[in-house]
Amino acid sequence: MSLRFCRFLIRSIVLVVFSSGPSALAVHPELSVVEANRVVGLTFTAVNPNADPFNTIDLDVTFTSPSAKVVRVPAFWAGGKTWRARHASPELRVHSSVTSCTARDD
């Protein structure tokens, strides 16, 4: 995993939550529309492979709701260079998120 991967992950990801509509619709790479209390899944791809990402890298996504509630969710290694995080919020409207990871090599 590289420092470029961490920098890529630090960009903000916005979630828009509606009370009705599709359970998960990818509108834009940085925008997902989901119902309240439904899971949104985010996928991240590393730039470089790592010999043991499960045991050597921590990747977290911190979500902030419209009421300013902050929830930190650990991402999980999904194999190869793929990482995923899932979150469900009871609140409606726009949520923001930011990622952080422990990979510092490049």
PDB file of N, CA and C in Angstrom:
ATOM      1  N   MET A   1       0.848  -1.170   0.000  1.00  0.00           N
ATOM      2  CA  MET A   1       0.000   0.000   0.000  1.00  0.00           C
ATOM      3  C   MET A   1       0.893   1.232   0.000  1.00  0.00           C
ATOM      4  N   SER A   2       0.471   2.265  -0.653  1.00  0.00           N
ATOM      5  CA  SER A   2       1.341   3.413  -0.804  1.00  0.00           C
ATOM      6  C   SER A   2       0.761   4.665  -0.176  1.00  0.00           C
ATOM      7  N   LEU A   3       1.613   5.670  -0.043  1.00  0.00           N
ATOM      8  CA  LEU A   3       1.179   6.959   0.472  1.00  0.00           C
ATOM      9  C   LEU A   3       0.179   7.592  -0.489  1.00  0.00           C
ATOM     10  N   ARG A   4       0.369   7.345  -1.800  1.00  0.00           N
ATOM     11  CA  ARG A   4      -0.595   7.867  -2.777  1.00  0.00           C
ATOM     12  C   ARG A   4      -1.983   7.298  -2.519  1.00  0.00           C
ATOM     13  N   PHE A   5      -2.046   6.033  -2.119  1.00  0.00           N
ATOM     14  CA  PHE A   5      -3.320   5.403  -1.797  1.00  0.00           C
ATOM     15  C   PHE A   5      -3.980   6.129  -0.631  1.00  0.00           C
ATOM     16  N   CYS A   6      -3.205   6.455   0.409  1.00  0.00           N
ATOM     17  CA  CYS A   6      -3.751   7.171   1.565  1.00  0.00           C
ATOM     18  C   CYS A   6      -4.256   8.548   1.155  1.00  0.00           C
ATOM     19  N   ARG A   7      -3.480   9.248   0.350  1.00  0.00           N
ATOM     20  CA  ARG A   7      -3.903  10.571  -0.091  1.00  0.00           C
ATOM     21  C   ARG A   7      -5.187  10.477  -0.905  1.00  0.00           C
ATOM     22  N   PHE A   8      -5.298   9.446  -1.743  1.00  0.00           N
ATOM     23  CA  PHE A   8      -6.504   9.241  -2.533  1.00  0.00           C
ATOM     24  C   PHE A   8      -7.699   9.016  -1.611  1.00  0.00           C
ATOM     25  N   LEU A   9      -7.494   8.290  -0.534  1.00  0.00           N
ATOM     26  CA  LEU A   9      -8.582   7.965   0.376  1.00  0.00           C
ATOM     27  C   LEU A   9      -9.022   9.152   1.223  1.00  0.00           C
ATOM     28  N   ILE A  10      -8.160  10.141   1.388  1.00  0.00           N
ATOM     29  CA  ILE A  10      -8.471  11.247   2.273  1.00  0.00           C
ATOM     30  C   ILE A  10      -9.530  12.178   1.688  1.00  0.00           C
ATOM     31  N   ARG A  11      -9.759  12.095   0.390  1.00  0.00           N
ATOM     32  CA  ARG A  11     -10.786  12.956  -0.195  1.00  0.00           C
ATOM     33  C   ARG A  11     -12.135  12.661   0.450  1.00  0.00           C
ATOM     34  N   SER A  12     -12.994  13.609   0.437  1.00  0.00           N
ATOM     35  CA  SER A  12     -14.295  13.477   1.079  1.00  0.00           C
ATOM     36  C   SER A  12     -15.252  12.684   0.214  1.00  0.00           C
ATOM     37  N   ILE A  13     -16.006  11.814   0.830  1.00  0.00           N
ATOM     38  CA  ILE A  13     -17.041  11.039   0.156  1.00  0.00           C
ATOM     39  C   ILE A  13     -18.368  11.466   0.759  1.00  0.00           C
ATOM     40  N   VAL A  14     -19.293  11.870  -0.073  1.00  0.00           N
ATOM     41  CA  VAL A  14     -20.573  12.396   0.407  1.00  0.00           C
ATOM     42  C   VAL A  14     -21.664  11.369   0.190  1.00  0.00           C
ATOM     43  N   LEU A  15     -22.479  11.173   1.199  1.00  0.00           N
ATOM     44  CA  LEU A  15     -23.623  10.276   1.120  1.00  0.00           C
ATOM     45  C   LEU A  15     -24.892  11.098   1.251  1.00  0.00           C
ATOM     46  N   VAL A  16     -25.850  10.860   0.383  1.00  0.00           N
ATOM     47  CA  VAL A  16     -27.137  11.520   0.476  1.00  0.00           C
ATOM     48  C   VAL A  16     -28.144  10.450   0.876  1.00  0.00           C
ATOM     49  N   VAL A  17     -28.865  10.685   1.968  1.00  0.00           N
ATOM     50  CA  VAL A  17     -29.794   9.692   2.489  1.00  0.00           C
ATOM     51  C   VAL A  17     -31.219  10.210   2.340  1.00  0.00           C
ATOM     52  N   PHE A  18     -32.078   9.412   1.721  1.00  0.00           N
ATOM     53  CA  PHE A  18     -33.475   9.766   1.526  1.00  0.00           C
ATOM     54  C   PHE A  18     -34.370   8.799   2.290  1.00  0.00           C
ATOM     55  N   SER A  19     -35.588   9.221   2.581  1.00  0.00           N
ATOM     56  CA  SER A  19     -36.515   8.358   3.305  1.00  0.00           C
ATOM     57  C   SER A  19     -37.148   7.307   2.413  1.00  0.00           C
ATOM     58  N   SER A  20     -37.131   7.497   1.114  1.00  0.00           N
ATOM     59  CA  SER A  20     -37.641   6.489   0.195  1.00  0.00           C
ATOM     60  C   SER A  20     -36.796   6.505  -1.060  1.00  0.00           C
ATOM     61  N   GLY A  21     -36.864   5.434  -1.826  1.00  0.00           N
ATOM     62  CA  GLY A  21     -36.077   5.352  -3.052  1.00  0.00           C
ATOM     63  C   GLY A  21     -35.254   4.091  -3.056  1.00  0.00           C
ATOM     64  N   PRO A  22     -34.282   4.010  -3.946  1.00  0.00           N
ATOM     65  CA  PRO A  22     -33.480   2.793  -4.034  1.00  0.00           C
ATOM     66  C   PRO A  22     -32.645   2.578  -2.787  1.00  0.00           C
ATOM     67  N   SER A  23     -32.378   1.312  -2.475  1.00  0.00           N
ATOM     68  CA  SER A  23     -31.606   1.023  -1.267  1.00  0.00           C
ATOM     69  C   SER A  23     -30.137   1.370  -1.446  1.00  0.00           C
ATOM     70  N   ALA A  24     -29.618   1.311  -2.648  1.00  0.00           N
ATOM     71  CA  ALA A  24     -28.232   1.731  -2.885  1.00  0.00           C
ATOM     72  C   ALA A  24     -28.064   2.021  -4.370  1.00  0.00           C
ATOM     73  N   LEU A  25     -27.835   3.255  -4.706  1.00  0.00           N
ATOM     74  CA  LEU A  25     -27.673   3.670  -6.092  1.00  0.00           C
ATOM     75  C   LEU A  25     -26.427   4.516  -6.194  1.00  0.00           C
ATOM     76  N   ALA A  26     -25.469   4.049  -6.958  1.00  0.00           N
ATOM     77  CA  ALA A  26     -24.241   4.816  -7.147  1.00  0.00           C
ATOM     78  C   ALA A  26     -24.498   5.878  -8.199  1.00  0.00           C
ATOM     79  N   VAL A  27     -24.592   7.125  -7.778  1.00  0.00           N
ATOM     80  CA  VAL A  27     -24.871   8.235  -8.671  1.00  0.00           C
ATOM     81  C   VAL A  27     -23.579   8.791  -9.247  1.00  0.00           C
ATOM     82  N   HIS A  28     -22.511   8.784  -8.478  1.00  0.00           N
ATOM     83  CA  HIS A  28     -21.221   9.358  -8.844  1.00  0.00           C
ATOM     84  C   HIS A  28     -20.191   8.647  -7.977  1.00  0.00           C
ATOM     85  N   PRO A  29     -18.948   8.535  -8.396  1.00  0.00           N
ATOM     86  CA  PRO A  29     -17.955   7.859  -7.552  1.00  0.00           C
ATOM     87  C   PRO A  29     -17.878   8.411  -6.133  1.00  0.00           C
ATOM     88  N   GLU A  30     -18.227   9.679  -5.947  1.00  0.00           N
ATOM     89  CA  GLU A  30     -18.155  10.252  -4.609  1.00  0.00           C
ATOM     90  C   GLU A  30     -19.544  10.517  -4.028  1.00  0.00           C
ATOM     91  N   LEU A  31     -20.592   9.989  -4.646  1.00  0.00           N
ATOM     92  CA  LEU A  31     -21.943  10.258  -4.172  1.00  0.00           C
ATOM     93  C   LEU A  31     -22.767   8.982  -4.239  1.00  0.00           C
ATOM     94  N   SER A  32     -23.390   8.604  -3.129  1.00  0.00           N
ATOM     95  CA  SER A  32     -24.273   7.453  -3.081  1.00  0.00           C
ATOM     96  C   SER A  32     -25.597   7.895  -2.493  1.00  0.00           C
ATOM     97  N   VAL A  33     -26.695   7.380  -3.025  1.00  0.00           N
ATOM     98  CA  VAL A  33     -28.015   7.705  -2.518  1.00  0.00           C
ATOM     99  C   VAL A  33     -28.594   6.434  -1.906  1.00  0.00           C
ATOM    100  N   VAL A  34     -28.955   6.508  -0.625  1.00  0.00           N
ATOM    101  CA  VAL A  34     -29.517   5.355   0.071  1.00  0.00           C
ATOM    102  C   VAL A  34     -30.660   5.805   0.971  1.00  0.00           C
ATOM    103  N   GLU A  35     -31.511   4.857   1.346  1.00  0.00           N
ATOM    104  CA  GLU A  35     -32.568   5.137   2.304  1.00  0.00           C
ATOM    105  C   GLU A  35     -31.967   5.221   3.705  1.00  0.00           C
ATOM    106  N   ALA A  36     -32.694   5.854   4.616  1.00  0.00           N
ATOM    107  CA  ALA A  36     -32.273   5.859   6.017  1.00  0.00           C
ATOM    108  C   ALA A  36     -32.254   4.419   6.523  1.00  0.00           C
ATOM    109  N   ASN A  37     -31.304   4.099   7.370  1.00  0.00           N
ATOM    110  CA  ASN A  37     -31.145   2.778   7.971  1.00  0.00           C
ATOM    111  C   ASN A  37     -30.805   1.681   6.963  1.00  0.00           C
ATOM    112  N   ARG A  38     -30.310   2.046   5.809  1.00  0.00           N
ATOM    113  CA  ARG A  38     -29.843   1.086   4.800  1.00  0.00           C
ATOM    114  C   ARG A  38     -28.336   1.217   4.665  1.00  0.00           C
ATOM    115  N   VAL A  39     -27.701   0.125   4.374  1.00  0.00           N
ATOM    116  CA  VAL A  39     -26.247   0.102   4.295  1.00  0.00           C
ATOM    117  C   VAL A  39     -25.756   0.679   2.971  1.00  0.00           C
ATOM    118  N   VAL A  40     -24.758   1.530   3.065  1.00  0.00           N
ATOM    119  CA  VAL A  40     -24.030   1.988   1.881  1.00  0.00           C
ATOM    120  C   VAL A  40     -22.660   1.340   1.940  1.00  0.00           C
ATOM    121  N   GLY A  41     -22.207   0.828   0.818  1.00  0.00           N
ATOM    122  CA  GLY A  41     -20.897   0.195   0.749  1.00  0.00           C
ATOM    123  C   GLY A  41     -19.939   1.033  -0.073  1.00  0.00           C
ATOM    124  N   LEU A  42     -18.745   1.248   0.452  1.00  0.00           N
ATOM    125  CA  LEU A  42     -17.710   1.997  -0.248  1.00  0.00           C
ATOM    126  C   LEU A  42     -16.557   1.058  -0.559  1.00  0.00           C
ATOM    127  N   THR A  43     -15.992   1.163  -1.750  1.00  0.00           N
ATOM    128  CA  THR A  43     -14.874   0.320  -2.166  1.00  0.00           C
ATOM    129  C   THR A  43     -13.672   1.194  -2.471  1.00  0.00           C
ATOM    130  N   PHE A  44     -12.512   0.774  -1.994  1.00  0.00           N
ATOM    131  CA  PHE A  44     -11.260   1.483  -2.203  1.00  0.00           C
ATOM    132  C   PHE A  44     -10.254   0.521  -2.812  1.00  0.00           C
ATOM    133  N   THR A  45      -9.413   1.025  -3.700  1.00  0.00           N
ATOM    134  CA  THR A  45      -8.397   0.198  -4.352  1.00  0.00           C
ATOM    135  C   THR A  45      -7.017   0.765  -4.062  1.00  0.00           C
ATOM    136  N   ALA A  46      -6.144  -0.086  -3.561  1.00  0.00           N
ATOM    137  CA  ALA A  46      -4.768   0.322  -3.269  1.00  0.00           C
ATOM    138  C   ALA A  46      -3.990   0.503  -4.564  1.00  0.00           C
ATOM    139  N   VAL A  47      -2.985   1.369  -4.537  1.00  0.00           N
ATOM    140  CA  VAL A  47      -2.119   1.564  -5.691  1.00  0.00           C
ATOM    141  C   VAL A  47      -1.143   0.398  -5.799  1.00  0.00           C
ATOM    142  N   ASN A  48      -0.569  -0.018  -4.676  1.00  0.00           N
ATOM    143  CA  ASN A  48       0.413  -1.102  -4.656  1.00  0.00           C
ATOM    144  C   ASN A  48      -0.083  -2.249  -3.790  1.00  0.00           C
ATOM    145  N   PRO A  49       0.254  -3.488  -4.146  1.00  0.00           N
ATOM    146  CA  PRO A  49      -0.114  -4.623  -3.294  1.00  0.00           C
ATOM    147  C   PRO A  49       0.706  -4.621  -2.007  1.00  0.00           C
ATOM    148  N   ASN A  50       0.220  -5.309  -0.996  1.00  0.00           N
ATOM    149  CA  ASN A  50       0.912  -5.448   0.277  1.00  0.00           C
ATOM    150  C   ASN A  50       0.965  -6.924   0.605  1.00  0.00           C
ATOM    151  N   ALA A  51       2.074  -7.400   1.145  1.00  0.00           N
ATOM    152  CA  ALA A  51       2.251  -8.822   1.438  1.00  0.00           C
ATOM    153  C   ALA A  51       1.268  -9.333   2.482  1.00  0.00           C
ATOM    154  N   ASP A  52       0.901  -8.503   3.462  1.00  0.00           N
ATOM    155  CA  ASP A  52       0.017  -8.938   4.541  1.00  0.00           C
ATOM    156  C   ASP A  52      -0.901  -7.792   4.985  1.00  0.00           C
ATOM    157  N   PRO A  53      -1.786  -7.305   4.118  1.00  0.00           N
ATOM    158  CA  PRO A  53      -2.606  -6.143   4.460  1.00  0.00           C
ATOM    159  C   PRO A  53      -3.542  -6.376   5.639  1.00  0.00           C
ATOM    160  N   PHE A  54      -4.028  -7.594   5.809  1.00  0.00           N
ATOM    161  CA  PHE A  54      -4.953  -7.896   6.904  1.00  0.00           C
ATOM    162  C   PHE A  54      -4.332  -7.607   8.260  1.00  0.00           C
ATOM    163  N   ASN A  55      -3.060  -7.912   8.412  1.00  0.00           N
ATOM    164  CA  ASN A  55      -2.384  -7.759   9.703  1.00  0.00           C
ATOM    165  C   ASN A  55      -1.532  -6.498   9.831  1.00  0.00           C
ATOM    166  N   THR A  56      -1.272  -5.795   8.744  1.00  0.00           N
ATOM    167  CA  THR A  56      -0.333  -4.676   8.817  1.00  0.00           C
ATOM    168  C   THR A  56      -0.941  -3.313   8.509  1.00  0.00           C
ATOM    169  N   ILE A  57      -2.163  -3.261   8.011  1.00  0.00           N
ATOM    170  CA  ILE A  57      -2.757  -1.983   7.623  1.00  0.00           C
ATOM    171  C   ILE A  57      -4.121  -1.806   8.292  1.00  0.00           C
ATOM    172  N   ASP A  58      -4.344  -0.617   8.805  1.00  0.00           N
ATOM    173  CA  ASP A  58      -5.657  -0.224   9.319  1.00  0.00           C
ATOM    174  C   ASP A  58      -6.193   0.877   8.419  1.00  0.00           C
ATOM    175  N   LEU A  59      -7.420   0.702   7.954  1.00  0.00           N
ATOM    176  CA  LEU A  59      -8.089   1.711   7.140  1.00  0.00           C
ATOM    177  C   LEU A  59      -9.436   1.990   7.791  1.00  0.00           C
ATOM    178  N   ASP A  60      -9.684   3.248   8.135  1.00  0.00           N
ATOM    179  CA  ASP A  60     -10.939   3.645   8.781  1.00  0.00           C
ATOM    180  C   ASP A  60     -11.634   4.713   7.955  1.00  0.00           C
ATOM    181  N   VAL A  61     -12.961   4.706   8.015  1.00  0.00           N
ATOM    182  CA  VAL A  61     -13.765   5.747   7.382  1.00  0.00           C
ATOM    183  C   VAL A  61     -14.557   6.428   8.494  1.00  0.00           C
ATOM    184  N   THR A  62     -14.429   7.735   8.612  1.00  0.00           N
ATOM    185  CA  THR A  62     -15.146   8.497   9.623  1.00  0.00           C
ATOM    186  C   THR A  62     -16.290   9.238   8.943  1.00  0.00           C
ATOM    187  N   PHE A  63     -17.519   8.878   9.319  1.00  0.00           N
ATOM    188  CA  PHE A  63     -18.725   9.485   8.769  1.00  0.00           C
ATOM    189  C   PHE A  63     -19.235  10.561   9.720  1.00  0.00           C
ATOM    190  N   THR A  64     -19.690  11.678   9.173  1.00  0.00           N
ATOM    191  CA  THR A  64     -20.293  12.747   9.964  1.00  0.00           C
ATOM    192  C   THR A  64     -21.699  12.978   9.429  1.00  0.00           C
ATOM    193  N   SER A  65     -22.685  12.872  10.328  1.00  0.00           N
ATOM    194  CA  SER A  65     -24.087  13.032   9.945  1.00  0.00           C
ATOM    195  C   SER A  65     -24.487  14.506   9.943  1.00  0.00           C
ATOM    196  N   PRO A  66     -25.677  14.823   9.444  1.00  0.00           N
ATOM    197  CA  PRO A  66     -26.140  16.217   9.451  1.00  0.00           C
ATOM    198  C   PRO A  66     -26.223  16.827  10.854  1.00  0.00           C
ATOM    199  N   SER A  67     -26.451  15.982  11.867  1.00  0.00           N
ATOM    200  CA  SER A  67     -26.519  16.483  13.247  1.00  0.00           C
ATOM    201  C   SER A  67     -25.136  16.532  13.903  1.00  0.00           C
ATOM    202  N   ALA A  68     -24.096  16.309  13.116  1.00  0.00           N
ATOM    203  CA  ALA A  68     -22.699  16.338  13.566  1.00  0.00           C
ATOM    204  C   ALA A  68     -22.300  15.113  14.379  1.00  0.00           C
ATOM    205  N   LYS A  69     -23.072  14.045  14.341  1.00  0.00           N
ATOM    206  CA  LYS A  69     -22.677  12.803  14.991  1.00  0.00           C
ATOM    207  C   LYS A  69     -21.577  12.161  14.157  1.00  0.00           C
ATOM    208  N   VAL A  70     -20.497  11.765  14.827  1.00  0.00           N
ATOM    209  CA  VAL A  70     -19.339  11.182  14.143  1.00  0.00           C
ATOM    210  C   VAL A  70     -19.269   9.692  14.456  1.00  0.00           C
ATOM    211  N   VAL A  71     -19.137   8.883  13.415  1.00  0.00           N
ATOM    212  CA  VAL A  71     -19.019   7.435  13.560  1.00  0.00           C
ATOM    213  C   VAL A  71     -17.799   6.978  12.775  1.00  0.00           C
ATOM    214  N   ARG A  72     -16.891   6.299  13.460  1.00  0.00           N
ATOM    215  CA  ARG A  72     -15.687   5.778  12.804  1.00  0.00           C
ATOM    216  C   ARG A  72     -15.894   4.294  12.522  1.00  0.00           C
ATOM    217  N   VAL A  73     -15.760   3.916  11.253  1.00  0.00           N
ATOM    218  CA  VAL A  73     -16.013   2.545  10.820  1.00  0.00           C
ATOM    219  C   VAL A  73     -14.727   1.956  10.247  1.00  0.00           C
ATOM    220  N   PRO A  74     -14.290   0.804  10.749  1.00  0.00           N
ATOM    221  CA  PRO A  74     -13.102   0.182  10.158  1.00  0.00           C
ATOM    222  C   PRO A  74     -13.454  -0.424   8.798  1.00  0.00           C
ATOM    223  N   ALA A  75     -12.589  -0.208   7.830  1.00  0.00           N
ATOM    224  CA  ALA A  75     -12.751  -0.861   6.531  1.00  0.00           C
ATOM    225  C   ALA A  75     -12.167  -2.268   6.657  1.00  0.00           C
ATOM    226  N   PHE A  76     -12.531  -3.127   5.742  1.00  0.00           N
ATOM    227  CA  PHE A  76     -11.989  -4.481   5.782  1.00  0.00           C
ATOM    228  C   PHE A  76     -11.330  -4.809   4.453  1.00  0.00           C
ATOM    229  N   TRP A  77     -10.300  -5.624   4.536  1.00  0.00           N
ATOM    230  CA  TRP A  77      -9.569  -6.052   3.350  1.00  0.00           C
ATOM    231  C   TRP A  77     -10.434  -7.073   2.643  1.00  0.00           C
ATOM    232  N   ALA A  78     -10.681  -6.864   1.347  1.00  0.00           N
ATOM    233  CA  ALA A  78     -11.554  -7.747   0.575  1.00  0.00           C
ATOM    234  C   ALA A  78     -10.770  -8.596  -0.422  1.00  0.00           C
ATOM    235  N   GLY A  79      -9.458  -8.638  -0.274  1.00  0.00           N
ATOM    236  CA  GLY A  79      -8.607  -9.432  -1.158  1.00  0.00           C
ATOM    237  C   GLY A  79      -7.880  -8.571  -2.174  1.00  0.00           C
ATOM    238  N   GLY A  80      -6.706  -9.016  -2.557  1.00  0.00           N
ATOM    239  CA  GLY A  80      -5.912  -8.274  -3.534  1.00  0.00           C
ATOM    240  C   GLY A  80      -5.596  -6.875  -3.050  1.00  0.00           C
ATOM    241  N   LYS A  81      -5.964  -5.880  -3.856  1.00  0.00           N
ATOM    242  CA  LYS A  81      -5.740  -4.474  -3.494  1.00  0.00           C
ATOM    243  C   LYS A  81      -7.053  -3.782  -3.136  1.00  0.00           C
ATOM    244  N   THR A  82      -8.088  -4.568  -2.824  1.00  0.00           N
ATOM    245  CA  THR A  82      -9.425  -4.025  -2.560  1.00  0.00           C
ATOM    246  C   THR A  82      -9.746  -3.967  -1.077  1.00  0.00           C
ATOM    247  N   TRP A  83     -10.294  -2.816  -0.662  1.00  0.00           N
ATOM    248  CA  TRP A  83     -10.761  -2.593   0.702  1.00  0.00           C
ATOM    249  C   TRP A  83     -12.209  -2.126   0.623  1.00  0.00           C
ATOM    250  N   ARG A  84     -13.027  -2.467   1.644  1.00  0.00           N
ATOM    251  CA  ARG A  84     -14.420  -2.049   1.666  1.00  0.00           C
ATOM    252  C   ARG A  84     -14.821  -1.575   3.060  1.00  0.00           C
ATOM    253  N   ALA A  85     -15.787  -0.666   3.081  1.00  0.00           N
ATOM    254  CA  ALA A  85     -16.374  -0.190   4.338  1.00  0.00           C
ATOM    255  C   ALA A  85     -17.875  -0.094   4.130  1.00  0.00           C
ATOM    256  N   ARG A  86     -18.637  -0.375   5.184  1.00  0.00           N
ATOM    257  CA  ARG A  86     -20.095  -0.305   5.117  1.00  0.00           C
ATOM    258  C   ARG A  86     -20.621   0.484   6.308  1.00  0.00           C
ATOM    259  N   HIS A  87     -21.683   1.268   6.048  1.00  0.00           N
ATOM    260  CA  HIS A  87     -22.261   2.095   7.110  1.00  0.00           C
ATOM    261  C   HIS A  87     -23.732   2.325   6.822  1.00  0.00           C
ATOM    262  N   ALA A  88     -24.542   2.370   7.872  1.00  0.00           N
ATOM    263  CA  ALA A  88     -25.965   2.697   7.766  1.00  0.00           C
ATOM    264  C   ALA A  88     -26.277   3.791   8.780  1.00  0.00           C
ATOM    265  N   SER A  89     -26.983   4.824   8.350  1.00  0.00           N
ATOM    266  CA  SER A  89     -27.318   5.935   9.236  1.00  0.00           C
ATOM    267  C   SER A  89     -28.838   6.078   9.343  1.00  0.00           C
ATOM    268  N   PRO A  90     -29.339   6.371  10.539  1.00  0.00           N
ATOM    269  CA  PRO A  90     -30.769   6.614  10.690  1.00  0.00           C
ATOM    270  C   PRO A  90     -31.177   8.023  10.265  1.00  0.00           C
ATOM    271  N   GLU A  91     -30.192   8.881  10.008  1.00  0.00           N
ATOM    272  CA  GLU A  91     -30.486  10.272   9.688  1.00  0.00           C
ATOM    273  C   GLU A  91     -30.649  10.489   8.183  1.00  0.00           C
ATOM    274  N   LEU A  92     -31.502  11.442   7.850  1.00  0.00           N
ATOM    275  CA  LEU A  92     -31.707  11.836   6.471  1.00  0.00           C
ATOM    276  C   LEU A  92     -30.769  12.981   6.118  1.00  0.00           C
ATOM    277  N   ARG A  93     -30.578  13.224   4.844  1.00  0.00           N
ATOM    278  CA  ARG A  93     -29.800  14.337   4.293  1.00  0.00           C
ATOM    279  C   ARG A  93     -28.348  13.964   4.047  1.00  0.00           C
ATOM    280  N   VAL A  94     -27.534  14.950   3.768  1.00  0.00           N
ATOM    281  CA  VAL A  94     -26.157  14.729   3.331  1.00  0.00           C
ATOM    282  C   VAL A  94     -25.245  14.379   4.505  1.00  0.00           C
ATOM    283  N   HIS A  95     -24.465  13.324   4.319  1.00  0.00           N
ATOM    284  CA  HIS A  95     -23.434  12.907   5.264  1.00  0.00           C
ATOM    285  C   HIS A  95     -22.089  13.100   4.574  1.00  0.00           C
ATOM    286  N   SER A  96     -21.057  13.352   5.345  1.00  0.00           N
ATOM    287  CA  SER A  96     -19.721  13.427   4.766  1.00  0.00           C
ATOM    288  C   SER A  96     -18.859  12.333   5.385  1.00  0.00           C
ATOM    289  N   SER A  97     -17.770  12.022   4.720  1.00  0.00           N
ATOM    290  CA  SER A  97     -16.859  11.026   5.275  1.00  0.00           C
ATOM    291  C   SER A  97     -15.435  11.352   4.855  1.00  0.00           C
ATOM    292  N   VAL A  98     -14.507  10.877   5.648  1.00  0.00           N
ATOM    293  CA  VAL A  98     -13.086  11.025   5.362  1.00  0.00           C
ATOM    294  C   VAL A  98     -12.409   9.735   5.791  1.00  0.00           C
ATOM    295  N   THR A  99     -11.370   9.359   5.095  1.00  0.00           N
ATOM    296  CA  THR A  99     -10.673   8.115   5.414  1.00  0.00           C
ATOM    297  C   THR A  99      -9.313   8.398   6.032  1.00  0.00           C
ATOM    298  N   SER A 100      -8.818   7.395   6.739  1.00  0.00           N
ATOM    299  CA  SER A 100      -7.462   7.452   7.282  1.00  0.00           C
ATOM    300  C   SER A 100      -6.894   6.039   7.258  1.00  0.00           C
ATOM    301  N   CYS A 101      -5.604   5.932   6.982  1.00  0.00           N
ATOM    302  CA  CYS A 101      -4.981   4.620   6.964  1.00  0.00           C
ATOM    303  C   CYS A 101      -3.575   4.699   7.530  1.00  0.00           C
ATOM    304  N   THR A 102      -3.060   3.538   7.930  1.00  0.00           N
ATOM    305  CA  THR A 102      -1.753   3.483   8.570  1.00  0.00           C
ATOM    306  C   THR A 102      -0.623   3.251   7.566  1.00  0.00           C
ATOM    307  N   ALA A 103      -0.936   2.982   6.306  1.00  0.00           N
ATOM    308  CA  ALA A 103       0.108   2.754   5.292  1.00  0.00           C
ATOM    309  C   ALA A 103       0.829   4.055   5.007  1.00  0.00           C
ATOM    310  N   ARG A 104       2.118   4.094   5.243  1.00  0.00           N
ATOM    311  CA  ARG A 104       2.899   5.317   5.052  1.00  0.00           C
ATOM    312  C   ARG A 104       4.062   5.108   4.078  1.00  0.00           C
ATOM    313  N   ASP A 105       4.183   3.929   3.504  1.00  0.00           N
ATOM    314  CA  ASP A 105       5.313   3.633   2.612  1.00  0.00           C
ATOM    315  C   ASP A 105       4.999   3.965   1.161  1.00  0.00           C
ATOM    316  N   ASP A 106       5.990   4.416   0.444  1.00  0.00           N
ATOM    317  CA  ASP A 106       5.869   4.630  -0.992  1.00  0.00           C
ATOM    318  C   ASP A 106       7.244   4.878  -1.562  1.00  0.00           C
TER     319      ASP A 106
END
